[in-house]
Amino acid sequence: MNGEFIDNVFGPLDQRFCDWFFILSVLGFVMLVVLLVSTLFVGLSKRKGIEFYMQTFSIAVGYAIFYFQNRLLHTMCVSSLNK
């Protein structure tokens, strides 16, 4: 294997790839909002119990972590490549 192959496969990517973290953070936020709105709609219209809201809360925490993680990675990526 030559050095160019290693650099292409494992080397750092340029700044345009930071946009993927931005797109994923937007996607995570949209999924979180859709989940919360649909939960309120279904929960109130069908009179769901506390178990329904606890399950939804645990899913919402996962989406919130996904959103925050990708937002943080986007910030780190942009900040490190702007120097």
C-alpha atoms as a PDB file:
ATOM      1  CA  MET A   1       0.000   0.000   0.000  1.00  0.00           C
ATOM      2  CA  ASN A   2       1.212   3.442  -0.780  1.00  0.00           C
ATOM      3  CA  GLY A   3       0.927   6.564   1.367  1.00  0.00           C
ATOM      4  CA  GLU A   4      -1.594   8.226  -0.936  1.00  0.00           C
ATOM      5  CA  PHE A   5      -4.071   5.372  -0.478  1.00  0.00           C
ATOM      6  CA  ILE A   6      -3.708   5.543   3.318  1.00  0.00           C
ATOM      7  CA  ASP A   7      -4.199   9.324   3.276  1.00  0.00           C
ATOM      8  CA  ASN A   8      -7.291   9.032   1.087  1.00  0.00           C
ATOM      9  CA  VAL A   9      -8.918   6.325   3.217  1.00  0.00           C
ATOM     10  CA  PHE A  10      -7.877   7.359   6.740  1.00  0.00           C
ATOM     11  CA  GLY A  11      -6.714  10.962   6.463  1.00  0.00           C
ATOM     12  CA  PRO A  12      -8.658  13.997   7.614  1.00  0.00           C
ATOM     13  CA  LEU A  13     -11.546  15.249   5.520  1.00  0.00           C
ATOM     14  CA  ASP A  14     -11.917  18.869   4.525  1.00  0.00           C
ATOM     15  CA  GLN A  15     -14.335  21.391   6.004  1.00  0.00           C
ATOM     16  CA  ARG A  16     -17.232  20.672   3.656  1.00  0.00           C
ATOM     17  CA  PHE A  17     -17.790  17.384   5.494  1.00  0.00           C
ATOM     18  CA  CYS A  18     -18.639  19.353   8.653  1.00  0.00           C
ATOM     19  CA  ASP A  19     -22.006  20.012   7.010  1.00  0.00           C
ATOM     20  CA  TRP A  20     -22.962  16.370   7.617  1.00  0.00           C
ATOM     21  CA  PHE A  21     -22.960  17.029  11.361  1.00  0.00           C
ATOM     22  CA  PHE A  22     -25.146  20.080  10.780  1.00  0.00           C
ATOM     23  CA  ILE A  23     -27.598  18.058   8.667  1.00  0.00           C
ATOM     24  CA  LEU A  24     -27.740  15.306  11.286  1.00  0.00           C
ATOM     25  CA  SER A  25     -28.347  17.819  14.078  1.00  0.00           C
ATOM     26  CA  VAL A  26     -31.219  19.386  12.125  1.00  0.00           C
ATOM     27  CA  LEU A  27     -32.630  15.916  11.465  1.00  0.00           C
ATOM     28  CA  GLY A  28     -32.375  15.012  15.157  1.00  0.00           C
ATOM     29  CA  PHE A  29     -34.123  18.217  16.196  1.00  0.00           C
ATOM     30  CA  VAL A  30     -36.922  17.711  13.665  1.00  0.00           C
ATOM     31  CA  MET A  31     -37.423  14.113  14.824  1.00  0.00           C
ATOM     32  CA  LEU A  32     -37.545  15.317  18.440  1.00  0.00           C
ATOM     33  CA  VAL A  33     -40.185  17.948  17.658  1.00  0.00           C
ATOM     34  CA  VAL A  34     -42.277  15.501  15.600  1.00  0.00           C
ATOM     35  CA  LEU A  35     -42.098  12.949  18.414  1.00  0.00           C
ATOM     36  CA  LEU A  36     -43.168  15.462  21.057  1.00  0.00           C
ATOM     37  CA  VAL A  37     -46.026  16.905  18.991  1.00  0.00           C
ATOM     38  CA  SER A  38     -47.343  13.487  17.995  1.00  0.00           C
ATOM     39  CA  THR A  39     -47.029  12.281  21.588  1.00  0.00           C
ATOM     40  CA  LEU A  40     -49.114  15.154  22.862  1.00  0.00           C
ATOM     41  CA  PHE A  41     -51.687  14.654  20.137  1.00  0.00           C
ATOM     42  CA  VAL A  42     -52.030  10.896  20.648  1.00  0.00           C
ATOM     43  CA  GLY A  43     -51.693  11.090  24.420  1.00  0.00           C
ATOM     44  CA  LEU A  44     -54.392  13.692  24.844  1.00  0.00           C
ATOM     45  CA  SER A  45     -56.805  12.395  22.212  1.00  0.00           C
ATOM     46  CA  LYS A  46     -56.642   8.749  23.312  1.00  0.00           C
ATOM     47  CA  ARG A  47     -56.153   9.435  27.046  1.00  0.00           C
ATOM     48  CA  LYS A  48     -52.934   7.466  27.389  1.00  0.00           C
ATOM     49  CA  GLY A  49     -51.504   6.586  30.784  1.00  0.00           C
ATOM     50  CA  ILE A  50     -48.226   7.491  32.436  1.00  0.00           C
ATOM     51  CA  GLU A  51     -46.468   4.468  30.889  1.00  0.00           C
ATOM     52  CA  PHE A  52     -47.017   5.925  27.413  1.00  0.00           C
ATOM     53  CA  TYR A  53     -45.468   9.239  28.444  1.00  0.00           C
ATOM     54  CA  MET A  54     -42.518   7.561  30.178  1.00  0.00           C
ATOM     55  CA  GLN A  55     -41.737   5.484  27.084  1.00  0.00           C
ATOM     56  CA  THR A  56     -41.974   8.556  24.899  1.00  0.00           C
ATOM     57  CA  PHE A  57     -39.788  10.517  27.298  1.00  0.00           C
ATOM     58  CA  SER A  58     -37.055   7.879  27.051  1.00  0.00           C
ATOM     59  CA  ILE A  59     -37.187   8.025  23.245  1.00  0.00           C
ATOM     60  CA  ALA A  60     -37.132  11.833  23.365  1.00  0.00           C
ATOM     61  CA  VAL A  61     -33.992  11.743  25.525  1.00  0.00           C
ATOM     62  CA  GLY A  62     -32.315   9.613  22.854  1.00  0.00           C
ATOM     63  CA  TYR A  63     -33.265  12.097  20.125  1.00  0.00           C
ATOM     64  CA  ALA A  64     -32.113  15.014  22.279  1.00  0.00           C
ATOM     65  CA  ILE A  65     -28.727  13.354  22.846  1.00  0.00           C
ATOM     66  CA  PHE A  66     -28.438  12.622  19.098  1.00  0.00           C
ATOM     67  CA  TYR A  67     -29.215  16.284  18.331  1.00  0.00           C
ATOM     68  CA  PHE A  68     -26.781  17.633  20.933  1.00  0.00           C
ATOM     69  CA  GLN A  69     -23.991  15.242  19.965  1.00  0.00           C
ATOM     70  CA  ASN A  70     -24.147  16.195  16.296  1.00  0.00           C
ATOM     71  CA  ARG A  71     -24.424  19.888  17.117  1.00  0.00           C
ATOM     72  CA  LEU A  72     -21.349  19.565  19.307  1.00  0.00           C
ATOM     73  CA  LEU A  73     -19.437  17.631  16.631  1.00  0.00           C
ATOM     74  CA  HIS A  74     -20.379  20.243  14.008  1.00  0.00           C
ATOM     75  CA  THR A  75     -19.079  23.016  16.273  1.00  0.00           C
ATOM     76  CA  MET A  76     -15.851  21.130  16.951  1.00  0.00           C
ATOM     77  CA  CYS A  77     -15.351  20.351  13.271  1.00  0.00           C
ATOM     78  CA  VAL A  78     -15.892  23.925  12.091  1.00  0.00           C
ATOM     79  CA  SER A  79     -13.806  25.404  14.914  1.00  0.00           C
ATOM     80  CA  SER A  80     -10.861  23.072  14.375  1.00  0.00           C
ATOM     81  CA  LEU A  81     -10.722  23.621  10.628  1.00  0.00           C
ATOM     82  CA  ASN A  82     -11.057  27.431  10.745  1.00  0.00           C
ATOM     83  CA  LYS A  83      -7.678  27.868  12.437  1.00  0.00           C
END
